[in-house]
Amino acid sequence: ICPMPLVTNWRREFAQWGPELPVTVVEGRQSYREWLWRHATEGILLANYELLVRDRELAAAAEEPFDLEVIGEAQRIKNRSSATNAAVCGLPRRRRWALTGTPIENSVDDLVGIFDFVSPGRVHPSMRLPALRSAVGDHVLRRTKDQVLTELPPKLMRDEEITLSAEPRAASQLA
């Protein structure tokens, strides 16, 4: 499950890194989506958050639980009382992973919302920071740029001369 604009990216990544895996994108008319939720049981089923909220009852009614539910941009479920959180947490699944670069945007409550999905009951809003770190330590993989710098492609710098049309040229002269 990921934001709608990232569905294409995820499809491309699966094609590059797991071309043997069949990928089905949940999209289209409601009758087709209903069929997918019930019958697309092989490979990867890829859906966006907005569609999952809309199809919440269909998705939750799966006869067999999904083997693994992975959510990208997991901060989308940080609000425990949101429809998105309810739809994501309502899918039947055996295992679950949450991927995010920003697990806490505003407060510890954000992390609690994500952990209600990953490991319900592990963290709660009243926990102090040392207890919170201890509780999530085995579940969080955090790497800094320095740790993966050798794995990153080289930075490309390129100067490009562009010609501005009249309106952007006038706006740039005001700034």
Protein backbone atom coordinates (compact mmCIF):
# COMPACT_ATOMS: atom_id res chain seq x y z
CA ILE A 1 0.00 0.00 0.00
CA CYS A 2 1.45 3.39 -0.96
CA PRO A 3 0.35 6.89 -1.96
CA MET A 4 -1.23 7.03 -5.43
CA PRO A 5 1.67 8.88 -7.11
CA LEU A 6 4.11 6.15 -5.99
CA VAL A 7 2.26 3.18 -7.50
CA THR A 8 4.17 3.60 -10.77
CA ASN A 9 7.48 3.78 -8.89
CA TRP A 10 6.74 0.60 -6.93
CA ARG A 11 5.70 -1.22 -10.11
CA ARG A 12 8.96 -0.18 -11.77
CA GLU A 13 11.02 -1.27 -8.72
CA PHE A 14 9.36 -4.70 -8.68
CA ALA A 15 10.04 -5.06 -12.41
CA GLN A 16 13.71 -4.20 -11.86
CA TRP A 17 14.43 -6.14 -8.65
CA GLY A 18 11.89 -8.98 -8.81
CA PRO A 19 10.90 -9.45 -12.46
CA GLU A 20 9.75 -13.01 -11.72
CA LEU A 21 7.04 -11.68 -9.37
CA PRO A 22 3.67 -10.99 -10.97
CA VAL A 23 2.45 -7.52 -9.99
CA THR A 24 -1.24 -6.62 -10.08
CA VAL A 25 -2.28 -3.02 -9.53
CA VAL A 26 -5.68 -2.52 -7.92
CA GLU A 27 -7.29 0.10 -10.15
CA GLY A 28 -10.21 0.64 -12.48
CA ARG A 29 -13.96 0.34 -11.99
CA GLN A 30 -15.34 -0.90 -8.68
CA SER A 31 -16.51 -4.24 -10.12
CA TYR A 32 -13.00 -4.94 -11.44
CA ARG A 33 -11.39 -3.90 -8.13
CA GLU A 34 -13.82 -6.15 -6.28
CA TRP A 35 -12.73 -9.05 -8.46
CA LEU A 36 -9.05 -8.24 -7.80
CA TRP A 37 -9.49 -8.06 -4.01
CA ARG A 38 -11.16 -11.49 -4.07
CA HIS A 39 -9.13 -13.34 -6.71
CA ALA A 40 -5.67 -11.79 -7.19
CA THR A 41 -3.90 -14.09 -4.75
CA GLU A 42 -0.58 -14.71 -6.51
CA GLY A 43 2.40 -12.37 -6.48
CA ILE A 44 2.17 -8.73 -5.51
CA LEU A 45 -1.10 -6.84 -5.12
CA LEU A 46 -0.33 -3.13 -5.25
CA ALA A 47 -2.88 -0.53 -4.13
CA ASN A 48 -2.88 3.10 -3.08
CA TYR A 49 -4.13 4.41 0.26
CA GLU A 50 -7.05 6.35 -1.20
CA LEU A 51 -8.36 3.35 -3.07
CA LEU A 52 -7.90 1.09 -0.05
CA VAL A 53 -10.01 3.44 2.06
CA ARG A 54 -12.70 3.40 -0.63
CA ASP A 55 -12.54 -0.42 -0.93
CA ARG A 56 -12.03 -1.03 2.77
CA GLU A 57 -14.82 -3.60 3.19
CA LEU A 58 -13.91 -5.47 0.00
CA ALA A 59 -10.23 -5.65 0.97
CA ALA A 60 -10.95 -6.73 4.54
CA ALA A 61 -13.24 -9.53 3.33
CA ALA A 62 -10.41 -11.55 1.79
CA GLU A 63 -10.94 -15.28 2.36
CA GLU A 64 -7.23 -15.85 3.00
CA PRO A 65 -5.04 -13.36 4.83
CA PHE A 66 -2.31 -11.66 2.84
CA ASP A 67 1.08 -13.16 3.60
CA LEU A 68 2.74 -9.76 4.00
CA GLU A 69 1.29 -6.25 4.04
CA VAL A 70 3.86 -3.56 3.31
CA ILE A 71 2.96 0.10 3.60
CA GLY A 72 5.13 2.80 2.08
CA GLU A 73 5.15 6.34 3.46
CA ALA A 74 3.79 4.86 6.68
CA GLN A 75 3.33 8.30 8.24
CA ARG A 76 0.02 8.25 6.33
CA ILE A 77 -1.41 6.09 9.15
CA LYS A 78 -0.02 8.13 12.06
CA ASN A 79 -3.49 9.35 13.06
CA ARG A 80 -4.99 6.34 14.86
CA SER A 81 -8.54 7.62 14.40
CA SER A 82 -8.27 8.16 10.63
CA ALA A 83 -10.07 6.14 7.97
CA THR A 84 -6.68 5.41 6.39
CA ASN A 85 -5.34 3.88 9.60
CA ALA A 86 -8.50 1.80 10.01
CA ALA A 87 -8.38 0.54 6.42
CA VAL A 88 -4.69 -0.38 6.59
CA CYS A 89 -4.97 -2.06 10.00
CA GLY A 90 -8.18 -3.83 8.91
CA LEU A 91 -6.57 -5.91 6.17
CA PRO A 92 -6.15 -9.56 7.15
CA ARG A 93 -2.43 -10.40 7.01
CA ARG A 94 0.13 -12.70 8.57
CA ARG A 95 3.02 -10.22 8.68
CA ARG A 96 3.36 -6.46 8.28
CA TRP A 97 6.07 -3.96 7.50
CA ALA A 98 5.95 -0.18 7.60
CA LEU A 99 8.39 1.90 5.55
CA THR A 100 8.91 5.59 6.24
CA GLY A 101 11.66 8.14 6.37
CA THR A 102 9.67 10.25 8.84
CA PRO A 103 8.19 8.07 11.59
CA ILE A 104 7.66 11.10 13.83
CA GLU A 105 6.53 14.32 12.16
CA ASN A 106 4.81 16.09 15.05
CA SER A 107 4.75 14.02 18.24
CA VAL A 108 5.20 10.55 19.71
CA ASP A 109 1.55 9.91 18.81
CA ASP A 110 2.70 9.61 15.18
CA LEU A 111 4.92 6.67 16.09
CA VAL A 112 2.14 5.11 18.17
CA GLY A 113 -0.16 5.19 15.13
CA ILE A 114 2.42 3.40 12.99
CA PHE A 115 3.19 0.86 15.70
CA ASP A 116 -0.50 0.07 16.12
CA PHE A 117 -0.07 -1.41 12.66
CA VAL A 118 3.41 -2.95 13.05
CA SER A 119 3.14 -4.31 16.59
CA PRO A 120 -0.12 -3.39 18.34
CA GLY A 121 0.29 -2.48 22.01
CA ARG A 122 4.09 -2.18 21.87
CA VAL A 123 4.11 1.60 22.35
CA HIS A 124 1.68 4.08 23.85
CA PRO A 125 1.56 7.89 24.03
CA SER A 126 2.49 8.13 27.71
CA MET A 127 5.85 6.38 27.27
CA ARG A 128 8.95 8.42 28.08
CA LEU A 129 11.68 8.64 25.47
CA PRO A 130 14.08 6.00 26.91
CA ALA A 131 11.26 3.43 27.19
CA LEU A 132 10.05 4.33 23.70
CA ARG A 133 13.53 3.87 22.20
CA SER A 134 13.83 0.52 23.92
CA ALA A 135 10.38 -0.61 22.75
CA VAL A 136 10.94 0.21 19.08
CA GLY A 137 14.65 -0.60 18.84
CA ASP A 138 14.19 -4.12 17.44
CA HIS A 139 11.69 -2.86 14.88
CA VAL A 140 13.45 0.19 13.46
CA LEU A 141 16.21 0.10 10.87
CA ARG A 142 17.72 3.54 10.55
CA ARG A 143 20.71 4.28 8.37
CA THR A 144 22.31 7.65 7.89
CA LYS A 145 23.72 8.88 4.61
CA ASP A 146 27.25 8.36 5.96
CA GLN A 147 26.50 4.67 6.54
CA VAL A 148 25.34 4.06 2.96
CA LEU A 149 27.38 6.68 1.11
CA THR A 150 29.45 4.04 -0.70
CA GLU A 151 26.24 2.43 -2.01
CA LEU A 152 24.81 5.64 -3.46
CA PRO A 153 25.36 6.56 -7.10
CA PRO A 154 27.65 9.52 -7.72
CA LYS A 155 26.09 12.95 -7.52
CA LEU A 156 25.70 14.49 -10.94
CA MET A 157 26.09 18.24 -11.28
CA ARG A 158 25.17 19.82 -14.58
CA ASP A 159 24.92 23.44 -15.61
CA GLU A 160 22.24 24.03 -18.17
CA GLU A 161 21.50 27.28 -19.93
CA ILE A 162 17.79 27.93 -20.35
CA THR A 163 15.86 30.65 -22.08
CA LEU A 164 12.99 32.07 -20.06
CA SER A 165 9.80 33.24 -21.69
CA ALA A 166 8.62 36.79 -20.94
CA GLU A 167 6.53 36.04 -17.83
CA PRO A 168 9.13 33.99 -15.89
CA ARG A 169 11.86 36.49 -16.92
CA ALA A 170 9.83 39.39 -15.53
CA ALA A 171 9.11 37.46 -12.29
CA SER A 172 12.81 36.65 -11.80
CA GLN A 173 13.75 40.30 -12.18
CA LEU A 174 11.30 41.27 -9.39
CA ALA A 175 12.87 38.87 -6.90
